[in-house]
């Protein structure tokens, strides 16, 4: 299993070896992902999170950014319930706790 991720990380690094190094925070905040990287990230969730962990451990910031952008795009525009379903997260809030959280975060709702 680890060998597979090692191979995938090497494949990504090889593809991007001539990319210019960027320090542009605006570019990193953008959630657009180029076509090759989108295809590269078309893996099951477990593999995606393992790639993100490997990129973090190996300090490969551009790969970490692409992985995190992929997850951000999976979340974008979804309700809390849809996000829970996507990532198989159990809702452990009571209805009262959930109502309180919604009330405290009304300002963040779409307008």
C-alpha atoms as a PDB file:
ATOM      1  CA  UNK A   1       0.000   0.000   0.000  1.00  0.00           C
ATOM      2  CA  UNK A   2       2.740   2.467   0.955  1.00  0.00           C
ATOM      3  CA  UNK A   3       4.594   1.605  -2.255  1.00  0.00           C
ATOM      4  CA  UNK A   4       1.524   2.603  -4.280  1.00  0.00           C
ATOM      5  CA  UNK A   5       1.413   6.040  -2.648  1.00  0.00           C
ATOM      6  CA  UNK A   6       5.165   6.402  -3.045  1.00  0.00           C
ATOM      7  CA  UNK A   7       4.757   5.690  -6.758  1.00  0.00           C
ATOM      8  CA  UNK A   8       1.881   8.173  -7.020  1.00  0.00           C
ATOM      9  CA  UNK A   9       3.825  10.904  -5.230  1.00  0.00           C
ATOM     10  CA  UNK A  10       6.847  10.305  -7.483  1.00  0.00           C
ATOM     11  CA  UNK A  11       4.566  10.442 -10.541  1.00  0.00           C
ATOM     12  CA  UNK A  12       3.155  13.802  -9.381  1.00  0.00           C
ATOM     13  CA  UNK A  13       6.626  15.200  -8.640  1.00  0.00           C
ATOM     14  CA  UNK A  14       7.952  14.029 -12.010  1.00  0.00           C
ATOM     15  CA  UNK A  15       5.062  15.681 -13.849  1.00  0.00           C
ATOM     16  CA  UNK A  16       5.591  18.977 -11.983  1.00  0.00           C
ATOM     17  CA  UNK A  17       9.400  18.966 -11.823  1.00  0.00           C
ATOM     18  CA  UNK A  18       9.744  21.973 -14.134  1.00  0.00           C
ATOM     19  CA  UNK A  19       6.938  24.033 -12.591  1.00  0.00           C
ATOM     20  CA  UNK A  20       8.032  27.459 -11.376  1.00  0.00           C
ATOM     21  CA  UNK A  21       8.107  27.904  -7.616  1.00  0.00           C
ATOM     22  CA  UNK A  22       5.379  30.306  -6.584  1.00  0.00           C
ATOM     23  CA  UNK A  23       4.987  32.257  -3.384  1.00  0.00           C
ATOM     24  CA  UNK A  24       1.689  33.781  -4.516  1.00  0.00           C
ATOM     25  CA  UNK A  25      -0.829  33.372  -1.684  1.00  0.00           C
ATOM     26  CA  UNK A  26      -3.647  34.434  -4.003  1.00  0.00           C
ATOM     27  CA  UNK A  27      -2.917  31.513  -6.320  1.00  0.00           C
ATOM     28  CA  UNK A  28      -2.855  29.102  -3.379  1.00  0.00           C
ATOM     29  CA  UNK A  29      -6.234  30.417  -2.160  1.00  0.00           C
ATOM     30  CA  UNK A  30      -7.792  29.747  -5.551  1.00  0.00           C
ATOM     31  CA  UNK A  31      -9.505  26.347  -5.616  1.00  0.00           C
ATOM     32  CA  UNK A  32      -9.036  25.850  -9.367  1.00  0.00           C
ATOM     33  CA  UNK A  33      -7.064  22.723 -10.187  1.00  0.00           C
ATOM     34  CA  UNK A  34      -5.483  22.103 -13.577  1.00  0.00           C
ATOM     35  CA  UNK A  35      -6.782  19.212 -15.661  1.00  0.00           C
ATOM     36  CA  UNK A  36      -3.831  16.871 -15.100  1.00  0.00           C
ATOM     37  CA  UNK A  37      -4.015  17.317 -11.329  1.00  0.00           C
ATOM     38  CA  UNK A  38      -7.780  16.782 -11.358  1.00  0.00           C
ATOM     39  CA  UNK A  39      -7.292  13.446 -13.085  1.00  0.00           C
ATOM     40  CA  UNK A  40      -4.428  12.588 -10.721  1.00  0.00           C
ATOM     41  CA  UNK A  41      -6.696  13.252  -7.725  1.00  0.00           C
ATOM     42  CA  UNK A  42      -9.540  11.085  -9.076  1.00  0.00           C
ATOM     43  CA  UNK A  43      -8.946   8.398  -6.472  1.00  0.00           C
ATOM     44  CA  UNK A  44     -10.948   6.974  -3.592  1.00  0.00           C
ATOM     45  CA  UNK A  45     -11.084   9.042  -0.408  1.00  0.00           C
ATOM     46  CA  UNK A  46      -8.660   6.847   1.504  1.00  0.00           C
ATOM     47  CA  UNK A  47      -6.030   7.244  -1.219  1.00  0.00           C
ATOM     48  CA  UNK A  48      -6.681  10.994  -1.459  1.00  0.00           C
ATOM     49  CA  UNK A  49      -6.138  11.451   2.271  1.00  0.00           C
ATOM     50  CA  UNK A  50      -3.039   9.246   2.183  1.00  0.00           C
ATOM     51  CA  UNK A  51      -1.598  11.394  -0.629  1.00  0.00           C
ATOM     52  CA  UNK A  52      -2.323  14.513   1.446  1.00  0.00           C
ATOM     53  CA  UNK A  53      -0.628  12.959   4.485  1.00  0.00           C
ATOM     54  CA  UNK A  54       2.384  11.914   2.391  1.00  0.00           C
ATOM     55  CA  UNK A  55       2.672  15.397   0.866  1.00  0.00           C
ATOM     56  CA  UNK A  56       2.554  16.929   4.332  1.00  0.00           C
ATOM     57  CA  UNK A  57       5.092  14.475   5.771  1.00  0.00           C
ATOM     58  CA  UNK A  58       7.442  14.935   2.809  1.00  0.00           C
ATOM     59  CA  UNK A  59       6.889  18.720   2.824  1.00  0.00           C
ATOM     60  CA  UNK A  60       5.731  18.824  -0.812  1.00  0.00           C
ATOM     61  CA  UNK A  61       3.674  22.005  -0.452  1.00  0.00           C
ATOM     62  CA  UNK A  62       2.300  22.171  -4.015  1.00  0.00           C
ATOM     63  CA  UNK A  63       1.005  18.583  -3.805  1.00  0.00           C
ATOM     64  CA  UNK A  64      -0.449  19.293  -0.368  1.00  0.00           C
ATOM     65  CA  UNK A  65      -2.194  22.366  -1.826  1.00  0.00           C
ATOM     66  CA  UNK A  66      -3.679  20.346  -4.699  1.00  0.00           C
ATOM     67  CA  UNK A  67      -4.916  17.674  -2.298  1.00  0.00           C
ATOM     68  CA  UNK A  68      -6.465  20.233   0.031  1.00  0.00           C
ATOM     69  CA  UNK A  69      -8.056  22.089  -2.900  1.00  0.00           C
ATOM     70  CA  UNK A  70      -9.558  18.775  -4.023  1.00  0.00           C
ATOM     71  CA  UNK A  71     -11.120  18.258  -0.596  1.00  0.00           C
ATOM     72  CA  UNK A  72     -12.276  21.905  -0.511  1.00  0.00           C
ATOM     73  CA  UNK A  73     -14.005  21.410  -3.861  1.00  0.00           C
ATOM     74  CA  UNK A  74     -15.689  18.274  -2.503  1.00  0.00           C
ATOM     75  CA  UNK A  75     -17.128  20.376   0.346  1.00  0.00           C
ATOM     76  CA  UNK A  76     -17.926  23.566  -1.555  1.00  0.00           C
ATOM     77  CA  UNK A  77     -21.642  24.354  -1.736  1.00  0.00           C
ATOM     78  CA  UNK A  78     -22.727  21.438   0.445  1.00  0.00           C
ATOM     79  CA  UNK A  79     -24.771  21.490   3.605  1.00  0.00           C
ATOM     80  CA  UNK A  80     -23.371  20.084   6.832  1.00  0.00           C
ATOM     81  CA  UNK A  81     -25.481  16.965   6.327  1.00  0.00           C
ATOM     82  CA  UNK A  82     -24.182  16.484   2.761  1.00  0.00           C
ATOM     83  CA  UNK A  83     -20.598  16.873   4.005  1.00  0.00           C
ATOM     84  CA  UNK A  84     -21.215  14.296   6.724  1.00  0.00           C
ATOM     85  CA  UNK A  85     -22.565  11.893   4.113  1.00  0.00           C
ATOM     86  CA  UNK A  86     -19.648  12.526   1.717  1.00  0.00           C
ATOM     87  CA  UNK A  87     -17.030  11.818   4.385  1.00  0.00           C
ATOM     88  CA  UNK A  88     -19.033   9.290   6.433  1.00  0.00           C
ATOM     89  CA  UNK A  89     -19.020  11.535   9.524  1.00  0.00           C
ATOM     90  CA  UNK A  90     -21.391  10.693  12.354  1.00  0.00           C
ATOM     91  CA  UNK A  91     -23.445  13.621  13.643  1.00  0.00           C
ATOM     92  CA  UNK A  92     -22.935  13.465  17.393  1.00  0.00           C
ATOM     93  CA  UNK A  93     -24.710  16.756  18.149  1.00  0.00           C
ATOM     94  CA  UNK A  94     -28.052  16.732  19.896  1.00  0.00           C
ATOM     95  CA  UNK A  95     -30.783  18.677  18.081  1.00  0.00           C
ATOM     96  CA  UNK A  96     -30.413  21.397  20.728  1.00  0.00           C
ATOM     97  CA  UNK A  97     -26.647  21.652  20.215  1.00  0.00           C
ATOM     98  CA  UNK A  98     -27.086  21.798  16.455  1.00  0.00           C
ATOM     99  CA  UNK A  99     -29.700  24.574  16.771  1.00  0.00           C
ATOM    100  CA  UNK A 100     -27.351  26.542  19.049  1.00  0.00           C
ATOM    101  CA  UNK A 101     -24.463  26.188  16.600  1.00  0.00           C
ATOM    102  CA  UNK A 102     -26.662  27.334  13.696  1.00  0.00           C
ATOM    103  CA  UNK A 103     -27.800  30.346  15.720  1.00  0.00           C
ATOM    104  CA  UNK A 104     -24.225  31.290  16.655  1.00  0.00           C
ATOM    105  CA  UNK A 105     -23.127  31.042  13.024  1.00  0.00           C
ATOM    106  CA  UNK A 106     -26.054  32.716  11.257  1.00  0.00           C
ATOM    107  CA  UNK A 107     -23.678  35.366   9.967  1.00  0.00           C
ATOM    108  CA  UNK A 108     -21.872  32.745   7.876  1.00  0.00           C
ATOM    109  CA  UNK A 109     -24.968  31.537   6.018  1.00  0.00           C
ATOM    110  CA  UNK A 110     -25.281  32.260   2.283  1.00  0.00           C
ATOM    111  CA  UNK A 111     -26.893  35.600   1.621  1.00  0.00           C
END
